[in-house]
């Protein structure tokens, strides 16, 4: 099976969010399961020179884009057994940011979608499945069905479209994008690509892909409702028979407290002593009082989606408890101002770093006692999985992948790996935080058991990879059976008593109910 995994970002080349982690880890896991999986992404100017020096030129050709012939190159690099193809055009991708930076994102990713399909005949790899990810690649499915369907080279390709975050849909001017891609106006209708007067890249994937997928089972159900569906819930309900939810995994080779390169002290389930040393080092690094109080960490994009409006509402009440909090992230000015104020208001108890710092993020997971993740919605979430791995007990809202991975603690059965609350309510979050802090302060053995349960949980990529392979196989036609040679006739008559004729019927026929007969025809035949 040949699979081309298409994404706008991918570890270890470029990253802004969880999509890059998935694009970096899932293809490797699929390869370990026996599939030939390769990755295609843009060749951004911001990619480190280390990788650029390792790239080799595969091919170059011209793409008809906006009525003009535009250069397109394909570079190749192999890392950890996975082949990566990078689409090269400096006019679109020689930028310092993946998104924005003064270039029209719609034009940039419209070119990327066209280049993916145009590159296939020029490469040594022609896929059976195109696995598309989020709005940046959604129009690949639309172009394949509307402009390439007549080509014999493309007719066998099946498409899977993964929704990593339905909120970001790629809405742009129809005239601008349709002109570049030569899209017929008959597709600018609500049944196809039109969405509130714009073209929707996301809708292109949702309408035209053969199968749809999200990154957790709960999110797959949530997006079929108006609250989570971002005005696309009707379309998703119409296509629910093609929609699956596969929970993301975590790369345990990167996130391992026993070997993490960002940590000065290491620990594991056999020896937790390094956990306290990590906490003391983190308190010193962040200017917090070095004493034994519950330390809460929160690493997130500073937006309402991540629950910062709940934190804003009850921050003063949280700080009435004897706790310390570390915030890390960038985002909306409203929440940047809130956290800068908290730095001033609670010196020695609150530290907010308005930044993206990978090393500090690892040290927060390792040093904090609790990890706060009160998301309004969360398709999957990786932070809670990382926190579990580092013995940092999560506090989450029950939504999306958070609900699928965090089991709320039950005092009576002594089960659970974290704490959760159901309603998007600031005081419900506050009550949950205070309950967790109470358990931390009053029962150290209980807390140790919860930490060890979380560290022992396995959310690696092996199980998701098997699920995706099954999804791919369900779309593809079954392999052609080898012709069975007919044995030569023998003088001996068939031994019916020992070899019933039903054994010679194809297995597929046996699996069909009643062999296609009506119910009355299946009644027991009269005995002779």
Protein backbone atom coordinates (compact mmCIF):
# COMPACT_ATOMS: atom_id res chain seq x y z
CA UNK A 1 0.00 0.00 0.00
CA UNK A 2 1.34 3.42 -1.00
CA UNK A 3 0.19 6.47 1.00
CA UNK A 4 1.15 10.12 0.46
CA UNK A 5 0.58 12.13 3.64
CA UNK A 6 0.05 15.82 2.76
CA UNK A 7 0.28 18.58 5.38
CA UNK A 8 1.22 22.24 5.71
CA UNK A 9 3.70 21.55 8.53
CA UNK A 10 5.67 18.63 9.84
CA UNK A 11 8.21 17.88 12.56
CA UNK A 12 11.23 18.10 12.35
CA UNK A 13 11.09 20.75 9.60
CA UNK A 14 8.46 23.32 10.66
CA UNK A 15 5.90 23.46 13.46
CA UNK A 16 3.21 25.77 14.83
CA UNK A 17 0.90 23.22 16.44
CA UNK A 18 -0.19 19.62 16.91
CA UNK A 19 -0.62 18.95 13.18
CA UNK A 20 3.17 19.04 12.78
CA UNK A 21 3.59 16.43 15.53
CA UNK A 22 1.04 14.15 13.86
CA UNK A 23 2.65 14.57 10.42
CA UNK A 24 6.02 13.73 11.94
CA UNK A 25 4.97 10.69 13.98
CA UNK A 26 2.05 8.97 12.21
CA UNK A 27 3.82 8.24 8.88
CA UNK A 28 6.72 6.67 10.75
CA UNK A 29 4.30 4.48 12.71
CA UNK A 30 2.47 3.47 9.51
CA UNK A 31 5.80 2.56 7.93
CA UNK A 32 6.60 0.31 10.89
CA UNK A 33 3.28 -1.47 10.20
CA UNK A 34 4.39 -2.27 6.65
CA UNK A 35 2.90 0.51 4.51
CA UNK A 36 4.96 2.64 2.12
CA UNK A 37 4.10 6.08 3.55
CA UNK A 38 5.73 9.31 2.41
CA UNK A 39 5.09 12.93 3.38
CA UNK A 40 4.64 16.03 1.23
CA UNK A 41 4.85 19.61 2.54
CA UNK A 42 5.95 23.04 1.29
CA UNK A 43 9.62 23.94 1.29
CA UNK A 44 9.48 27.04 3.49
CA UNK A 45 12.40 29.44 3.64
CA UNK A 46 12.39 29.12 7.43
CA UNK A 47 13.43 25.45 7.31
CA UNK A 48 16.78 24.98 8.99
CA UNK A 49 19.86 24.89 6.76
CA UNK A 50 20.74 21.49 8.23
CA UNK A 51 17.78 19.96 6.41
CA UNK A 52 18.24 22.00 3.26
CA UNK A 53 21.77 20.66 2.87
CA UNK A 54 20.44 17.10 3.07
CA UNK A 55 17.79 17.61 0.36
CA UNK A 56 18.23 16.17 -3.13
CA UNK A 57 16.44 17.40 -6.22
CA UNK A 58 13.81 14.99 -7.55
CA UNK A 59 12.24 16.87 -10.45
CA UNK A 60 10.93 20.21 -11.65
CA UNK A 61 8.05 21.05 -13.96
CA UNK A 62 5.60 23.82 -14.79
CA UNK A 63 2.17 24.18 -13.21
CA UNK A 64 -0.66 26.04 -14.93
CA UNK A 65 -1.76 28.44 -12.21
CA UNK A 66 -3.88 31.50 -12.87
CA UNK A 67 -3.46 31.14 -16.62
CA UNK A 68 0.34 31.21 -16.33
CA UNK A 69 2.99 28.52 -16.28
CA UNK A 70 4.61 28.60 -12.83
CA UNK A 71 7.80 26.80 -11.79
CA UNK A 72 7.46 23.96 -9.29
CA UNK A 73 10.28 21.82 -7.93
CA UNK A 74 10.29 18.76 -5.70
CA UNK A 75 13.07 18.13 -3.18
CA UNK A 76 13.51 14.93 -1.20
CA UNK A 77 15.01 14.12 2.18
CA UNK A 78 14.94 10.86 4.15
CA UNK A 79 14.86 10.84 7.95
CA UNK A 80 14.39 7.83 10.25
CA UNK A 81 13.28 5.69 7.33
CA UNK A 82 10.55 8.08 6.10
CA UNK A 83 10.81 9.93 2.78
CA UNK A 84 9.73 13.58 2.75
CA UNK A 85 8.96 15.52 -0.43
CA UNK A 86 9.03 19.31 -0.31
CA UNK A 87 7.26 21.48 -2.88
CA UNK A 88 9.64 24.25 -3.95
CA UNK A 89 8.52 27.65 -5.21
CA UNK A 90 10.15 30.67 -3.60
CA UNK A 91 7.39 33.06 -4.68
CA UNK A 92 4.95 31.26 -2.37
CA UNK A 93 7.04 29.59 0.30
CA UNK A 94 10.22 31.59 0.88
CA UNK A 95 8.81 33.22 4.01
CA UNK A 96 9.64 33.40 7.68
CA UNK A 97 6.21 32.26 8.83
CA UNK A 98 4.09 29.27 7.84
CA UNK A 99 0.91 31.32 7.95
CA UNK A 100 0.60 35.02 7.20
CA UNK A 101 3.75 37.09 6.68
CA UNK A 102 2.08 39.34 4.12
CA UNK A 103 1.35 36.62 1.55
CA UNK A 104 -2.21 35.59 0.72
CA UNK A 105 -2.61 32.21 2.41
CA UNK A 106 -5.40 31.24 0.02
CA UNK A 107 -3.19 31.71 -3.04
CA UNK A 108 -0.23 29.99 -1.37
CA UNK A 109 -2.11 26.84 -0.39
CA UNK A 110 -4.16 26.78 -3.60
CA UNK A 111 -0.80 26.45 -5.38
CA UNK A 112 0.26 23.76 -2.91
CA UNK A 113 -2.92 21.75 -3.63
CA UNK A 114 -2.36 22.01 -7.39
CA UNK A 115 1.33 21.15 -7.05
CA UNK A 116 0.61 17.98 -5.07
CA UNK A 117 -1.45 16.51 -7.92
CA UNK A 118 0.79 17.79 -10.71
CA UNK A 119 3.91 16.37 -9.05
CA UNK A 120 2.71 12.77 -8.97
CA UNK A 121 3.52 11.79 -12.60
CA UNK A 122 7.00 13.34 -12.27
CA UNK A 123 7.99 11.39 -9.13
CA UNK A 124 9.07 7.81 -8.60
CA UNK A 125 6.15 7.35 -6.18
CA UNK A 126 2.49 7.19 -7.23
CA UNK A 127 0.17 6.66 -4.23
CA UNK A 128 -2.92 4.53 -3.73
CA UNK A 129 -4.13 6.89 -0.97
CA UNK A 130 -3.76 10.63 -0.46
CA UNK A 131 -4.09 11.43 3.25
CA UNK A 132 -4.97 15.14 3.43
CA UNK A 133 -4.82 17.21 6.60
CA UNK A 134 -6.83 20.31 7.53
CA UNK A 135 -7.97 23.14 5.27
CA UNK A 136 -4.58 23.78 3.67
CA UNK A 137 -4.92 20.55 1.64
CA UNK A 138 -8.73 20.35 1.37
CA UNK A 139 -8.88 21.44 -2.28
CA UNK A 140 -6.71 18.49 -3.33
CA UNK A 141 -9.78 16.24 -2.94
CA UNK A 142 -11.94 18.73 -4.87
CA UNK A 143 -9.47 19.10 -7.74
CA UNK A 144 -8.95 15.34 -7.96
CA UNK A 145 -12.68 14.68 -8.37
CA UNK A 146 -13.48 17.62 -10.65
CA UNK A 147 -10.42 18.04 -12.90
CA UNK A 148 -8.41 14.80 -12.78
CA UNK A 149 -11.18 12.19 -12.77
CA UNK A 150 -10.90 11.61 -16.52
CA UNK A 151 -7.19 10.75 -16.32
CA UNK A 152 -6.51 7.04 -16.05
CA UNK A 153 -3.44 7.73 -13.92
CA UNK A 154 -5.53 9.31 -11.16
CA UNK A 155 -8.76 7.28 -11.15
CA UNK A 156 -7.55 4.68 -8.65
CA UNK A 157 -6.44 7.23 -5.99
CA UNK A 158 -8.55 7.35 -2.83
CA UNK A 159 -8.57 10.28 -0.41
CA UNK A 160 -8.79 10.56 3.36
CA UNK A 161 -9.35 14.03 4.83
CA UNK A 162 -8.39 14.53 8.49
CA UNK A 163 -9.97 17.36 10.50
CA UNK A 164 -7.52 18.56 13.13
CA UNK A 165 -9.47 21.70 14.03
CA UNK A 166 -12.78 22.49 12.35
CA UNK A 167 -12.71 26.11 13.51
CA UNK A 168 -10.03 27.07 10.97
CA UNK A 169 -11.63 26.58 7.55
CA UNK A 170 -9.61 28.50 4.95
CA UNK A 171 -12.20 31.02 3.71
CA UNK A 172 -11.17 33.17 0.75
CA UNK A 173 -12.54 35.01 -2.27
CA UNK A 174 -14.10 32.61 -4.79
CA UNK A 175 -13.06 34.69 -7.80
CA UNK A 176 -9.47 34.86 -6.67
CA UNK A 177 -9.04 31.14 -5.95
CA UNK A 178 -11.27 29.85 -8.75
CA UNK A 179 -9.36 31.94 -11.24
CA UNK A 180 -6.04 30.49 -10.12
CA UNK A 181 -7.28 26.89 -10.15
CA UNK A 182 -9.67 27.15 -13.15
CA UNK A 183 -12.59 25.95 -11.03
CA UNK A 184 -15.96 25.94 -12.79
CA UNK A 185 -18.58 28.30 -11.35
CA UNK A 186 -21.01 25.40 -11.02
CA UNK A 187 -19.03 24.32 -7.93
CA UNK A 188 -19.68 27.64 -6.21
CA UNK A 189 -22.88 26.38 -4.55
CA UNK A 190 -23.73 25.36 -1.01
CA UNK A 191 -23.62 21.68 -2.05
CA UNK A 192 -19.97 22.01 -3.03
CA UNK A 193 -17.45 24.75 -2.15
CA UNK A 194 -19.47 27.88 -1.29
CA UNK A 195 -19.60 28.89 2.36
CA UNK A 196 -21.22 32.21 3.30
CA UNK A 197 -20.11 33.85 0.06
CA UNK A 198 -16.55 32.50 0.17
CA UNK A 199 -14.77 29.42 -1.06
CA UNK A 200 -14.02 27.06 1.84
CA UNK A 201 -10.90 24.91 1.55
CA UNK A 202 -12.16 22.86 4.50
CA UNK A 203 -15.46 22.19 2.74
CA UNK A 204 -13.54 21.00 -0.31
CA UNK A 205 -12.16 18.16 1.78
CA UNK A 206 -15.44 17.45 3.57
CA UNK A 207 -17.47 17.22 0.35
CA UNK A 208 -15.09 15.50 -2.04
CA UNK A 209 -12.87 13.18 0.07
CA UNK A 210 -13.72 9.47 0.07
CA UNK A 211 -13.36 9.20 3.85
CA UNK A 212 -13.35 11.76 6.66
CA UNK A 213 -11.47 11.44 9.93
CA UNK A 214 -10.93 13.41 13.12
CA UNK A 215 -8.30 13.08 15.81
CA UNK A 216 -10.47 11.62 18.59
CA UNK A 217 -13.71 9.61 18.81
CA UNK A 218 -15.48 12.19 21.00
CA UNK A 219 -14.61 15.07 18.66
CA UNK A 220 -16.01 13.04 15.74
CA UNK A 221 -19.37 13.00 17.55
CA UNK A 222 -19.16 16.60 18.79
CA UNK A 223 -18.67 18.19 15.36
CA UNK A 224 -22.00 16.75 14.20
CA UNK A 225 -23.73 19.09 16.67
CA UNK A 226 -24.41 22.84 16.19
CA UNK A 227 -22.32 23.85 19.24
CA UNK A 228 -19.10 22.31 17.90
CA UNK A 229 -19.90 22.03 14.18
CA UNK A 230 -18.84 25.56 13.14
CA UNK A 231 -21.86 25.75 10.77
CA UNK A 232 -20.72 22.57 9.01
CA UNK A 233 -22.57 20.14 11.31
CA UNK A 234 -25.30 19.51 8.72
CA UNK A 235 -22.75 18.44 6.12
CA UNK A 236 -20.98 16.25 8.66
CA UNK A 237 -24.23 14.57 9.67
CA UNK A 238 -24.96 13.94 6.00
CA UNK A 239 -21.56 12.23 5.65
CA UNK A 240 -21.44 10.55 9.06
CA UNK A 241 -21.24 7.09 7.47
CA UNK A 242 -17.80 8.09 6.13
CA UNK A 243 -16.62 9.84 9.34
CA UNK A 244 -14.26 8.17 11.83
CA UNK A 245 -12.49 9.32 14.97
CA UNK A 246 -8.98 7.99 15.64
CA UNK A 247 -7.23 9.22 18.77
CA UNK A 248 -3.80 10.74 18.19
CA UNK A 249 -0.75 9.18 19.77
CA UNK A 250 2.38 10.55 21.42
CA UNK A 251 5.99 10.04 20.39
CA UNK A 252 7.44 8.45 23.53
CA UNK A 253 10.97 8.71 22.21
CA UNK A 254 10.76 12.53 22.37
CA UNK A 255 8.69 12.86 25.53
CA UNK A 256 10.53 10.68 28.04
CA UNK A 257 11.40 12.06 31.51
CA UNK A 258 14.19 9.52 31.88
CA UNK A 259 16.12 10.83 28.86
CA UNK A 260 14.69 14.29 28.05
CA UNK A 261 17.52 16.52 26.81
CA UNK A 262 15.82 19.65 28.21
CA UNK A 263 15.92 18.35 31.80
CA UNK A 264 18.80 18.63 34.23
CA UNK A 265 17.32 15.88 36.42
CA UNK A 266 15.63 12.70 35.16
CA UNK A 267 13.12 10.26 36.63
CA UNK A 268 10.83 7.33 35.76
CA UNK A 269 8.22 5.08 37.36
CA UNK A 270 10.92 3.19 39.26
CA UNK A 271 12.49 6.30 40.77
CA UNK A 272 10.49 9.52 41.18
CA UNK A 273 13.13 11.38 43.18
CA UNK A 274 14.14 13.44 40.13
CA UNK A 275 10.60 14.84 39.91
CA UNK A 276 11.06 16.96 43.06
CA UNK A 277 14.46 18.15 41.84
CA UNK A 278 12.82 19.21 38.57
CA UNK A 279 10.22 21.15 40.56
CA UNK A 280 12.82 23.00 42.60
CA UNK A 281 14.83 23.84 39.47
CA UNK A 282 11.68 25.10 37.74
CA UNK A 283 10.75 27.30 40.71
CA UNK A 284 14.22 28.83 40.64
CA UNK A 285 14.18 29.35 36.87
CA UNK A 286 10.80 31.11 37.02
CA UNK A 287 11.46 33.21 40.11
CA UNK A 288 8.96 31.40 42.34
CA UNK A 289 9.34 30.75 46.04
CA UNK A 290 11.18 27.45 46.52
CA UNK A 291 8.78 25.72 48.90
CA UNK A 292 6.53 22.67 48.89
CA UNK A 293 3.20 23.94 47.52
CA UNK A 294 1.11 22.65 44.60
CA UNK A 295 2.64 23.94 41.35
CA UNK A 296 0.16 24.29 38.46
CA UNK A 297 1.37 24.53 34.87
CA UNK A 298 -0.54 25.77 31.81
CA UNK A 299 0.96 25.70 28.31
CA UNK A 300 -1.41 26.90 25.60
CA UNK A 301 -2.21 29.34 22.88
CA UNK A 302 -3.60 32.35 24.75
CA UNK A 303 -7.16 32.29 23.43
CA UNK A 304 -10.71 31.68 24.63
CA UNK A 305 -10.65 28.23 22.99
CA UNK A 306 -8.03 27.14 25.52
CA UNK A 307 -10.10 28.32 28.50
CA UNK A 308 -8.21 31.51 29.30
CA UNK A 309 -11.53 33.34 29.76
CA UNK A 310 -12.35 30.92 32.60
CA UNK A 311 -8.96 31.57 34.19
CA UNK A 312 -9.55 35.31 33.82
CA UNK A 313 -12.86 35.03 35.67
CA UNK A 314 -11.57 33.21 38.78
CA UNK A 315 -7.81 33.85 38.89
CA UNK A 316 -8.13 35.82 42.14
CA UNK A 317 -10.08 32.98 43.76
CA UNK A 318 -7.54 30.40 42.57
CA UNK A 319 -4.77 32.43 44.18
CA UNK A 320 -6.63 32.47 47.51
CA UNK A 321 -5.37 28.88 47.76
CA UNK A 322 -1.72 28.29 48.61
CA UNK A 323 -0.61 27.44 45.05
CA UNK A 324 1.86 28.57 42.41
CA UNK A 325 1.09 28.86 38.68
CA UNK A 326 3.29 29.01 35.58
CA UNK A 327 1.79 30.10 32.23
CA UNK A 328 3.55 29.68 28.88
CA UNK A 329 2.22 30.74 25.47
CA UNK A 330 1.45 33.50 22.99
CA UNK A 331 -1.86 34.78 21.69
CA UNK A 332 -4.60 37.36 22.12
CA UNK A 333 -3.68 40.75 23.58
CA UNK A 334 -6.51 40.49 26.12
CA UNK A 335 -4.93 37.46 27.77
CA UNK A 336 -1.38 38.73 27.36
CA UNK A 337 -2.41 41.77 29.42
CA UNK A 338 -4.10 39.51 31.99
CA UNK A 339 -0.98 37.41 32.53
CA UNK A 340 1.33 40.42 32.65
CA UNK A 341 -0.93 41.84 35.35
CA UNK A 342 -0.80 38.50 37.23
CA UNK A 343 3.01 38.64 37.16
CA UNK A 344 2.83 42.03 38.89
CA UNK A 345 -0.01 41.13 41.26
CA UNK A 346 1.39 37.81 42.56
CA UNK A 347 5.21 38.06 42.66
CA UNK A 348 6.89 34.81 43.67
CA UNK A 349 3.66 32.88 43.08
CA UNK A 350 2.81 33.44 39.41
CA UNK A 351 5.16 33.38 36.44
CA UNK A 352 3.82 34.06 32.94
CA UNK A 353 6.17 33.71 29.96
CA UNK A 354 4.65 35.21 26.79
CA UNK A 355 6.70 33.11 24.44
CA UNK A 356 7.04 29.77 22.63
CA UNK A 357 9.87 28.02 24.46
CA UNK A 358 10.15 24.28 23.83
CA UNK A 359 12.75 23.72 26.56
CA UNK A 360 10.73 25.53 29.23
CA UNK A 361 7.62 23.60 28.15
CA UNK A 362 9.39 20.29 28.85
CA UNK A 363 10.59 21.59 32.21
CA UNK A 364 7.04 22.67 33.16
CA UNK A 365 5.71 19.18 32.39
CA UNK A 366 8.49 17.66 34.48
CA UNK A 367 8.36 20.09 37.41
CA UNK A 368 4.66 20.90 37.85
CA UNK A 369 2.34 18.86 40.05
CA UNK A 370 -0.83 19.73 38.13
CA UNK A 371 -1.50 20.65 34.50
CA UNK A 372 -4.48 22.90 33.72
CA UNK A 373 -6.28 22.40 30.39
CA UNK A 374 -9.84 23.83 30.61
CA UNK A 375 -10.48 23.97 26.84
CA UNK A 376 -13.75 25.14 25.36
CA UNK A 377 -13.16 22.48 22.70
CA UNK A 378 -10.15 20.26 22.06
CA UNK A 379 -10.07 17.98 18.99
CA UNK A 380 -7.45 15.74 20.61
CA UNK A 381 -4.83 17.56 22.63
CA UNK A 382 -1.28 16.39 23.20
CA UNK A 383 -0.47 18.41 26.31
CA UNK A 384 -2.52 16.18 28.61
CA UNK A 385 -0.74 13.10 27.21
CA UNK A 386 2.66 14.68 27.78
CA UNK A 387 1.65 15.71 31.30
CA UNK A 388 0.65 12.12 32.12
CA UNK A 389 3.99 10.88 30.81
CA UNK A 390 5.84 13.29 33.14
CA UNK A 391 3.82 12.51 36.27
CA UNK A 392 1.98 15.85 36.08
CA UNK A 393 -1.69 15.23 36.94
CA UNK A 394 -4.07 16.88 34.42
CA UNK A 395 -7.12 19.01 35.22
CA UNK A 396 -9.26 19.12 32.06
CA UNK A 397 -12.68 19.93 30.76
CA UNK A 398 -14.55 16.90 29.40
CA UNK A 399 -14.44 17.60 25.67
CA UNK A 400 -12.92 15.98 22.60
CA UNK A 401 -9.70 14.07 23.16
CA UNK A 402 -9.53 15.28 26.77
CA UNK A 403 -12.61 13.22 27.57
CA UNK A 404 -11.16 10.22 25.71
CA UNK A 405 -7.85 10.20 27.60
CA UNK A 406 -8.41 11.54 31.14
CA UNK A 407 -10.31 9.36 33.61
CA UNK A 408 -11.55 11.53 36.54
CA UNK A 409 -10.33 10.37 39.94
CA UNK A 410 -12.81 8.33 41.98
CA UNK A 411 -11.98 8.32 45.70
CA UNK A 412 -14.15 5.28 46.45
CA UNK A 413 -12.58 2.98 43.85
CA UNK A 414 -9.16 4.70 43.83
CA UNK A 415 -9.26 4.86 40.02
CA UNK A 416 -8.45 7.65 37.60
CA UNK A 417 -5.46 9.49 36.15
CA UNK A 418 -6.62 13.09 36.54
CA UNK A 419 -9.47 15.49 37.33
CA UNK A 420 -12.20 16.81 35.04
CA UNK A 421 -15.30 18.98 34.93
CA UNK A 422 -18.15 18.81 32.42
CA UNK A 423 -19.61 22.30 31.94
CA UNK A 424 -17.72 25.25 30.52
CA UNK A 425 -18.03 27.18 33.74
CA UNK A 426 -15.36 29.10 35.66
CA UNK A 427 -16.51 28.11 39.14
CA UNK A 428 -16.87 24.46 38.17
CA UNK A 429 -13.23 24.66 37.06
CA UNK A 430 -12.34 26.38 40.35
CA UNK A 431 -14.02 23.63 42.40
CA UNK A 432 -12.09 20.97 40.46
CA UNK A 433 -8.77 22.75 41.03
CA UNK A 434 -9.48 23.07 44.76
CA UNK A 435 -10.40 19.38 45.01
CA UNK A 436 -7.16 18.38 43.32
CA UNK A 437 -5.14 20.69 45.58
CA UNK A 438 -6.86 19.15 48.62
CA UNK A 439 -5.84 15.61 47.59
CA UNK A 440 -2.27 16.76 46.90
CA UNK A 441 -1.99 18.33 50.38
CA UNK A 442 -3.70 15.61 52.44
CA UNK A 443 -2.73 12.24 50.92
CA UNK A 444 0.73 11.93 49.39
CA UNK A 445 0.38 8.18 48.79
CA UNK A 446 -2.86 8.68 46.89
CA UNK A 447 -1.12 11.32 44.79
CA UNK A 448 1.83 9.05 44.11
CA UNK A 449 -0.49 6.28 42.89
CA UNK A 450 -2.23 8.70 40.54
CA UNK A 451 1.09 9.92 39.13
CA UNK A 452 2.29 6.37 38.51
CA UNK A 453 -0.99 5.42 36.80
CA UNK A 454 -0.62 8.34 34.43
CA UNK A 455 3.02 7.55 33.70
CA UNK A 456 2.10 3.93 32.97
CA UNK A 457 -0.67 4.83 30.50
CA UNK A 458 0.29 4.16 26.87
CA UNK A 459 -0.90 6.47 24.13
CA UNK A 460 1.75 5.66 21.53
CA UNK A 461 1.17 5.59 17.77
CA UNK A 462 0.95 1.82 17.26
CA UNK A 463 -2.81 1.53 17.85
CA UNK A 464 -3.73 4.64 15.76
CA UNK A 465 -1.49 3.41 12.93
CA UNK A 466 -3.36 0.09 12.79
CA UNK A 467 -6.68 1.96 12.75
CA UNK A 468 -5.57 4.15 9.84
CA UNK A 469 -4.30 1.14 7.91
CA UNK A 470 -7.68 -0.54 8.34
CA UNK A 471 -9.35 2.64 7.09
CA UNK A 472 -7.12 2.75 4.00
CA UNK A 473 -7.68 -0.93 3.25
CA UNK A 474 -11.46 -0.53 3.49
CA UNK A 475 -11.34 2.05 0.66
CA UNK A 476 -9.10 0.14 -1.72
CA UNK A 477 -10.30 -2.71 -3.93
CA UNK A 478 -9.32 -6.17 -2.67
CA UNK A 479 -6.15 -7.60 -4.20
CA UNK A 480 -6.72 -9.81 -7.20
CA UNK A 481 -6.77 -13.47 -6.27
CA UNK A 482 -4.23 -15.74 -7.93
CA UNK A 483 -5.81 -18.17 -10.42
CA UNK A 484 -6.39 -21.59 -8.92
CA UNK A 485 -5.22 -24.47 -11.05
CA UNK A 486 -7.87 -27.16 -11.64
CA UNK A 487 -6.67 -30.60 -10.49
CA UNK A 488 -6.68 -33.40 -13.01
CA UNK A 489 -9.62 -35.79 -12.88
CA UNK A 490 -9.04 -39.05 -11.02
CA UNK A 491 -10.67 -42.41 -11.38
CA UNK A 492 -11.91 -42.33 -7.77
CA UNK A 493 -15.41 -40.88 -7.19
CA UNK A 494 -15.77 -37.88 -4.80
CA UNK A 495 -16.14 -38.80 -1.14
CA UNK A 496 -19.17 -36.66 -0.29
CA UNK A 497 -19.55 -37.98 3.25
CA UNK A 498 -16.06 -36.78 4.22
CA UNK A 499 -15.81 -33.70 1.96
CA UNK A 500 -19.14 -31.81 1.91
CA UNK A 501 -19.65 -29.62 -1.14
CA UNK A 502 -20.20 -26.53 1.01
CA UNK A 503 -16.49 -26.47 1.82
CA UNK A 504 -15.78 -25.69 -1.84
CA UNK A 505 -17.95 -22.53 -1.85
CA UNK A 506 -16.10 -19.19 -1.69
CA UNK A 507 -15.80 -17.74 1.78
CA UNK A 508 -17.33 -14.43 0.62
CA UNK A 509 -20.49 -16.28 -0.38
CA UNK A 510 -20.79 -17.81 3.06
CA UNK A 511 -20.60 -14.39 4.66
CA UNK A 512 -23.66 -13.13 2.71
CA UNK A 513 -26.90 -13.66 4.66
CA UNK A 514 -29.07 -16.43 3.14
CA UNK A 515 -26.80 -16.50 0.04
CA UNK A 516 -29.07 -13.85 -1.53
CA UNK A 517 -32.30 -15.91 -1.16
CA UNK A 518 -35.55 -14.70 0.28
CA UNK A 519 -36.42 -15.59 3.84
CA UNK A 520 -38.94 -18.22 2.75
CA UNK A 521 -36.28 -19.94 0.63
CA UNK A 522 -34.06 -20.50 3.66
CA UNK A 523 -36.52 -22.69 5.51
CA UNK A 524 -35.35 -26.18 6.32
CA UNK A 525 -35.86 -28.56 3.37
CA UNK A 526 -38.06 -31.59 3.99
CA UNK A 527 -36.15 -34.71 4.88
CA UNK A 528 -36.10 -37.42 2.26
